[in-house]
Amino acid sequence: HNGGDGGEGGGAPAGQGLGIVGHFAGIMLRADLVDRTEPGLGDAGPASEIAFVAQQDIERLLGERAEELGVDVRRGVELTGFDADERAVTVQSGQGAVRAGWLVGCDGGRST
């Protein structure tokens, strides 16, 4: 939620004037990353809180935030198995085993 309704008596949407159009997973999205020439972007009307952002921009933003948080992101690694217990996850891949607090699979909507 952007904090303002944009209607009568309402305040301006949060981030207006700051070049921010919203957030994804708590990461603020800069207005300069939104392709405003995208057909249909404004069709939802002035109250819409939806903005289309290219996948490569989302990946870059998420990658930058993960790096800030000290996350070890490994791309192009094939997972061959994993075991989880109450404390952590042990991941097996062609590169060996890794034990971590979390395992996040971001292999896309068409993964197998």
N, C-alpha and C. Protein backbone atom coordinates (compact mmCIF):
# COMPACT_ATOMS: atom_id res chain seq x y z
N HIS A 1 0.85 -1.18 0.00
CA HIS A 1 0.00 0.00 0.00
C HIS A 1 0.88 1.22 0.00
N ASN A 2 0.51 2.24 -0.77
CA ASN A 2 1.39 3.38 -0.91
C ASN A 2 1.13 4.48 0.11
N GLY A 3 0.16 4.35 0.98
CA GLY A 3 -0.05 5.31 2.04
C GLY A 3 -0.95 6.47 1.67
N GLY A 4 -1.32 6.66 0.43
CA GLY A 4 -2.21 7.74 0.04
C GLY A 4 -3.21 7.24 -0.97
N ASP A 5 -4.43 7.79 -0.92
CA ASP A 5 -5.43 7.30 -1.87
C ASP A 5 -5.46 8.12 -3.14
N GLY A 6 -4.78 9.26 -3.15
CA GLY A 6 -4.72 10.07 -4.35
C GLY A 6 -6.03 10.74 -4.69
N GLY A 7 -7.07 10.56 -3.88
CA GLY A 7 -8.38 11.14 -4.15
C GLY A 7 -8.59 12.39 -3.33
N GLU A 8 -9.85 12.82 -3.25
CA GLU A 8 -10.18 14.01 -2.50
C GLU A 8 -9.77 13.86 -1.05
N GLY A 9 -9.11 14.86 -0.54
CA GLY A 9 -8.72 14.85 0.86
C GLY A 9 -7.56 13.91 1.15
N GLY A 10 -7.15 13.12 0.17
CA GLY A 10 -6.06 12.18 0.40
C GLY A 10 -4.72 12.81 0.10
N GLY A 11 -3.70 12.26 0.65
CA GLY A 11 -2.36 12.75 0.38
C GLY A 11 -1.85 12.21 -0.92
N ALA A 12 -0.71 12.71 -1.31
CA ALA A 12 -0.05 12.19 -2.50
C ALA A 12 0.47 10.80 -2.20
N PRO A 13 0.52 9.96 -3.22
CA PRO A 13 1.07 8.62 -3.00
C PRO A 13 2.48 8.69 -2.43
N ALA A 14 2.80 7.76 -1.57
CA ALA A 14 4.12 7.72 -0.96
C ALA A 14 5.18 7.65 -2.04
N GLY A 15 6.22 8.44 -1.87
CA GLY A 15 7.32 8.42 -2.83
C GLY A 15 7.15 9.41 -3.96
N GLN A 16 5.96 10.04 -4.09
CA GLN A 16 5.77 10.99 -5.17
C GLN A 16 6.76 12.13 -4.99
N GLY A 17 7.42 12.51 -6.05
CA GLY A 17 8.44 13.54 -5.96
C GLY A 17 9.80 12.98 -5.62
N LEU A 18 9.85 11.75 -5.14
CA LEU A 18 11.12 11.11 -4.81
C LEU A 18 11.58 10.20 -5.94
N GLY A 19 10.76 10.07 -7.00
CA GLY A 19 11.11 9.20 -8.09
C GLY A 19 10.91 7.73 -7.78
N ILE A 20 10.04 7.44 -6.83
CA ILE A 20 9.77 6.06 -6.43
C ILE A 20 8.35 5.71 -6.82
N VAL A 21 8.15 4.56 -7.47
CA VAL A 21 6.82 4.18 -7.92
C VAL A 21 6.19 3.08 -7.08
N GLY A 22 6.90 2.47 -6.20
CA GLY A 22 6.36 1.40 -5.38
C GLY A 22 7.48 0.55 -4.84
N HIS A 23 7.13 -0.67 -4.42
CA HIS A 23 8.17 -1.55 -3.91
C HIS A 23 7.88 -2.98 -4.31
N PHE A 24 8.92 -3.79 -4.31
CA PHE A 24 8.83 -5.22 -4.57
C PHE A 24 9.62 -5.89 -3.47
N ALA A 25 8.94 -6.71 -2.66
CA ALA A 25 9.59 -7.40 -1.55
C ALA A 25 10.27 -6.40 -0.62
N GLY A 26 9.67 -5.23 -0.45
CA GLY A 26 10.23 -4.23 0.45
C GLY A 26 11.37 -3.43 -0.14
N ILE A 27 11.70 -3.66 -1.41
CA ILE A 27 12.76 -2.92 -2.08
C ILE A 27 12.09 -1.83 -2.90
N MET A 28 12.42 -0.58 -2.63
CA MET A 28 11.81 0.52 -3.35
C MET A 28 12.24 0.50 -4.81
N LEU A 29 11.28 0.71 -5.71
CA LEU A 29 11.56 0.73 -7.15
C LEU A 29 11.67 2.17 -7.61
N ARG A 30 12.74 2.48 -8.29
CA ARG A 30 12.95 3.83 -8.79
C ARG A 30 12.10 4.06 -10.04
N ALA A 31 11.56 5.26 -10.14
CA ALA A 31 10.71 5.60 -11.28
C ALA A 31 11.46 5.53 -12.60
N ASP A 32 12.77 5.79 -12.59
CA ASP A 32 13.51 5.77 -13.85
C ASP A 32 13.70 4.35 -14.39
N LEU A 33 13.33 3.32 -13.61
CA LEU A 33 13.41 1.95 -14.09
C LEU A 33 12.10 1.48 -14.73
N VAL A 34 11.06 2.30 -14.64
CA VAL A 34 9.76 1.93 -15.20
C VAL A 34 9.68 2.42 -16.64
N ASP A 35 9.35 1.51 -17.54
CA ASP A 35 9.20 1.86 -18.96
C ASP A 35 7.79 2.42 -19.15
N ARG A 36 7.67 3.73 -19.12
CA ARG A 36 6.36 4.38 -19.21
C ARG A 36 5.80 4.32 -20.63
N THR A 37 6.58 3.85 -21.60
CA THR A 37 6.08 3.69 -22.96
C THR A 37 5.43 2.33 -23.14
N GLU A 38 5.46 1.50 -22.12
CA GLU A 38 4.85 0.16 -22.17
C GLU A 38 3.36 0.29 -22.49
N PRO A 39 2.90 -0.34 -23.59
CA PRO A 39 1.47 -0.26 -23.93
C PRO A 39 0.61 -0.77 -22.78
N GLY A 40 -0.42 -0.01 -22.45
CA GLY A 40 -1.35 -0.43 -21.41
C GLY A 40 -0.91 -0.08 -19.99
N LEU A 41 0.25 0.54 -19.82
CA LEU A 41 0.73 0.83 -18.47
C LEU A 41 -0.26 1.69 -17.69
N GLY A 42 -0.86 2.68 -18.33
CA GLY A 42 -1.79 3.55 -17.62
C GLY A 42 -3.24 3.18 -17.77
N ASP A 43 -3.54 2.06 -18.43
CA ASP A 43 -4.93 1.68 -18.68
C ASP A 43 -5.72 1.37 -17.41
N ALA A 44 -5.05 1.01 -16.34
CA ALA A 44 -5.76 0.63 -15.12
C ALA A 44 -6.35 1.84 -14.41
N GLY A 45 -5.96 3.05 -14.80
CA GLY A 45 -6.51 4.25 -14.20
C GLY A 45 -5.56 4.87 -13.19
N PRO A 46 -5.88 6.07 -12.74
CA PRO A 46 -4.97 6.80 -11.87
C PRO A 46 -4.80 6.19 -10.48
N ALA A 47 -5.73 5.34 -10.05
CA ALA A 47 -5.62 4.77 -8.71
C ALA A 47 -4.75 3.51 -8.68
N SER A 48 -4.30 3.08 -9.84
CA SER A 48 -3.53 1.85 -9.92
C SER A 48 -2.19 1.98 -9.22
N GLU A 49 -1.81 0.95 -8.50
CA GLU A 49 -0.50 0.91 -7.86
C GLU A 49 0.40 -0.08 -8.59
N ILE A 50 0.05 -0.42 -9.81
CA ILE A 50 0.81 -1.41 -10.57
C ILE A 50 1.77 -0.69 -11.51
N ALA A 51 3.00 -1.15 -11.54
CA ALA A 51 3.98 -0.65 -12.49
C ALA A 51 4.72 -1.85 -13.05
N PHE A 52 4.91 -1.86 -14.36
CA PHE A 52 5.62 -2.96 -14.99
C PHE A 52 7.11 -2.64 -15.01
N VAL A 53 7.89 -3.56 -14.51
CA VAL A 53 9.34 -3.40 -14.47
C VAL A 53 9.94 -4.63 -15.14
N ALA A 54 10.90 -4.42 -16.00
CA ALA A 54 11.52 -5.53 -16.73
C ALA A 54 12.16 -6.53 -15.77
N GLN A 55 12.10 -7.80 -16.15
CA GLN A 55 12.65 -8.86 -15.30
C GLN A 55 14.12 -8.62 -14.98
N GLN A 56 14.91 -8.18 -15.95
CA GLN A 56 16.33 -7.96 -15.67
C GLN A 56 16.54 -6.87 -14.63
N ASP A 57 15.64 -5.87 -14.59
CA ASP A 57 15.75 -4.82 -13.58
C ASP A 57 15.38 -5.37 -12.20
N ILE A 58 14.33 -6.20 -12.12
CA ILE A 58 13.96 -6.82 -10.85
C ILE A 58 15.09 -7.71 -10.36
N GLU A 59 15.65 -8.52 -11.26
CA GLU A 59 16.76 -9.40 -10.87
C GLU A 59 17.94 -8.60 -10.35
N ARG A 60 18.25 -7.49 -11.02
CA ARG A 60 19.36 -6.65 -10.58
C ARG A 60 19.08 -6.06 -9.20
N LEU A 61 17.86 -5.53 -9.01
CA LEU A 61 17.49 -4.95 -7.72
C LEU A 61 17.55 -5.99 -6.60
N LEU A 62 16.99 -7.17 -6.86
CA LEU A 62 17.01 -8.22 -5.84
C LEU A 62 18.44 -8.68 -5.57
N GLY A 63 19.25 -8.78 -6.62
CA GLY A 63 20.65 -9.18 -6.45
C GLY A 63 21.43 -8.17 -5.63
N GLU A 64 21.21 -6.88 -5.90
CA GLU A 64 21.89 -5.83 -5.13
C GLU A 64 21.48 -5.88 -3.67
N ARG A 65 20.19 -6.08 -3.42
CA ARG A 65 19.71 -6.13 -2.03
C ARG A 65 20.26 -7.37 -1.33
N ALA A 66 20.27 -8.50 -2.01
CA ALA A 66 20.82 -9.72 -1.42
C ALA A 66 22.28 -9.52 -1.05
N GLU A 67 23.03 -8.87 -1.94
CA GLU A 67 24.45 -8.60 -1.67
C GLU A 67 24.60 -7.71 -0.44
N GLU A 68 23.76 -6.67 -0.33
CA GLU A 68 23.79 -5.78 0.84
C GLU A 68 23.57 -6.56 2.13
N LEU A 69 22.73 -7.60 2.05
CA LEU A 69 22.40 -8.40 3.23
C LEU A 69 23.41 -9.53 3.47
N GLY A 70 24.41 -9.64 2.60
CA GLY A 70 25.42 -10.67 2.77
C GLY A 70 25.01 -12.05 2.29
N VAL A 71 24.01 -12.10 1.41
CA VAL A 71 23.52 -13.37 0.89
C VAL A 71 24.49 -13.90 -0.17
N ASP A 72 24.79 -15.18 -0.10
CA ASP A 72 25.64 -15.85 -1.09
C ASP A 72 24.74 -16.37 -2.21
N VAL A 73 24.64 -15.62 -3.31
CA VAL A 73 23.80 -15.99 -4.44
C VAL A 73 24.65 -16.78 -5.43
N ARG A 74 24.17 -17.95 -5.79
CA ARG A 74 24.89 -18.79 -6.75
C ARG A 74 24.00 -19.02 -7.96
N ARG A 75 24.43 -18.52 -9.09
CA ARG A 75 23.66 -18.64 -10.34
C ARG A 75 24.22 -19.78 -11.18
N GLY A 76 23.35 -20.42 -11.93
CA GLY A 76 23.77 -21.47 -12.84
C GLY A 76 24.20 -22.75 -12.16
N VAL A 77 23.76 -22.96 -10.93
CA VAL A 77 24.13 -24.16 -10.18
C VAL A 77 22.95 -25.13 -10.21
N GLU A 78 23.20 -26.35 -10.63
CA GLU A 78 22.14 -27.36 -10.66
C GLU A 78 22.05 -28.05 -9.31
N LEU A 79 20.90 -27.95 -8.70
CA LEU A 79 20.63 -28.61 -7.43
C LEU A 79 20.39 -30.09 -7.68
N THR A 80 21.13 -30.95 -6.98
CA THR A 80 20.93 -32.39 -7.15
C THR A 80 20.21 -33.00 -5.96
N GLY A 81 20.10 -32.26 -4.87
CA GLY A 81 19.37 -32.74 -3.70
C GLY A 81 19.56 -31.81 -2.52
N PHE A 82 18.71 -31.99 -1.51
CA PHE A 82 18.88 -31.22 -0.28
C PHE A 82 18.25 -31.97 0.87
N ASP A 83 18.75 -31.69 2.06
CA ASP A 83 18.22 -32.24 3.31
C ASP A 83 18.05 -31.09 4.27
N ALA A 84 16.90 -31.04 4.93
CA ALA A 84 16.64 -29.97 5.88
C ALA A 84 16.40 -30.55 7.26
N ASP A 85 16.86 -29.83 8.27
CA ASP A 85 16.52 -30.16 9.65
C ASP A 85 16.01 -28.88 10.31
N GLU A 86 15.83 -28.91 11.61
CA GLU A 86 15.24 -27.75 12.29
C GLU A 86 16.15 -26.53 12.31
N ARG A 87 17.44 -26.70 12.00
CA ARG A 87 18.38 -25.58 12.07
C ARG A 87 18.83 -25.03 10.72
N ALA A 88 18.91 -25.89 9.71
CA ALA A 88 19.48 -25.45 8.43
C ALA A 88 19.14 -26.42 7.31
N VAL A 89 19.66 -26.11 6.14
CA VAL A 89 19.47 -26.93 4.95
C VAL A 89 20.85 -27.27 4.39
N THR A 90 21.04 -28.53 4.04
CA THR A 90 22.27 -28.94 3.35
C THR A 90 21.90 -29.19 1.89
N VAL A 91 22.56 -28.48 1.00
CA VAL A 91 22.27 -28.53 -0.42
C VAL A 91 23.38 -29.28 -1.14
N GLN A 92 22.99 -30.22 -2.00
CA GLN A 92 23.96 -30.94 -2.82
C GLN A 92 23.86 -30.45 -4.26
N SER A 93 25.02 -30.22 -4.86
CA SER A 93 25.08 -29.83 -6.27
C SER A 93 26.32 -30.46 -6.87
N GLY A 94 26.52 -30.24 -8.15
CA GLY A 94 27.72 -30.72 -8.82
C GLY A 94 28.99 -30.08 -8.27
N GLN A 95 28.83 -28.99 -7.53
CA GLN A 95 29.96 -28.27 -6.95
C GLN A 95 30.25 -28.71 -5.52
N GLY A 96 29.48 -29.65 -5.00
CA GLY A 96 29.68 -30.11 -3.63
C GLY A 96 28.48 -29.79 -2.76
N ALA A 97 28.68 -29.86 -1.45
CA ALA A 97 27.60 -29.62 -0.49
C ALA A 97 27.80 -28.27 0.20
N VAL A 98 26.69 -27.61 0.49
CA VAL A 98 26.69 -26.33 1.21
C VAL A 98 25.61 -26.41 2.27
N ARG A 99 25.93 -25.94 3.47
CA ARG A 99 24.94 -25.89 4.55
C ARG A 99 24.61 -24.42 4.81
N ALA A 100 23.32 -24.12 4.86
CA ALA A 100 22.89 -22.73 5.02
C ALA A 100 21.58 -22.68 5.80
N GLY A 101 21.26 -21.50 6.28
CA GLY A 101 20.02 -21.29 7.01
C GLY A 101 18.80 -21.34 6.13
N TRP A 102 18.96 -20.97 4.87
CA TRP A 102 17.83 -20.90 3.94
C TRP A 102 18.25 -21.44 2.57
N LEU A 103 17.29 -21.99 1.86
CA LEU A 103 17.45 -22.38 0.46
C LEU A 103 16.30 -21.73 -0.29
N VAL A 104 16.64 -20.92 -1.29
CA VAL A 104 15.63 -20.25 -2.11
C VAL A 104 15.87 -20.66 -3.55
N GLY A 105 14.86 -21.26 -4.17
CA GLY A 105 14.96 -21.64 -5.58
C GLY A 105 14.29 -20.60 -6.44
N CYS A 106 15.03 -19.98 -7.31
CA CYS A 106 14.51 -18.93 -8.20
C CYS A 106 14.82 -19.30 -9.63
N ASP A 107 14.30 -20.45 -10.03
CA ASP A 107 14.66 -20.98 -11.34
C ASP A 107 13.59 -20.74 -12.39
N GLY A 108 12.61 -19.93 -12.09
CA GLY A 108 11.65 -19.52 -13.10
C GLY A 108 10.38 -20.34 -13.15
N GLY A 109 9.41 -19.79 -13.83
CA GLY A 109 8.09 -20.41 -13.93
C GLY A 109 8.04 -21.64 -14.80
N ARG A 110 9.05 -21.86 -15.61
CA ARG A 110 9.07 -23.02 -16.50
C ARG A 110 10.11 -24.05 -16.07
N SER A 111 10.51 -24.02 -14.82
CA SER A 111 11.53 -24.96 -14.34
C SER A 111 10.95 -26.36 -14.24
N THR A 112 11.84 -27.33 -14.18
CA THR A 112 11.40 -28.72 -14.07
C THR A 112 11.84 -29.32 -12.75
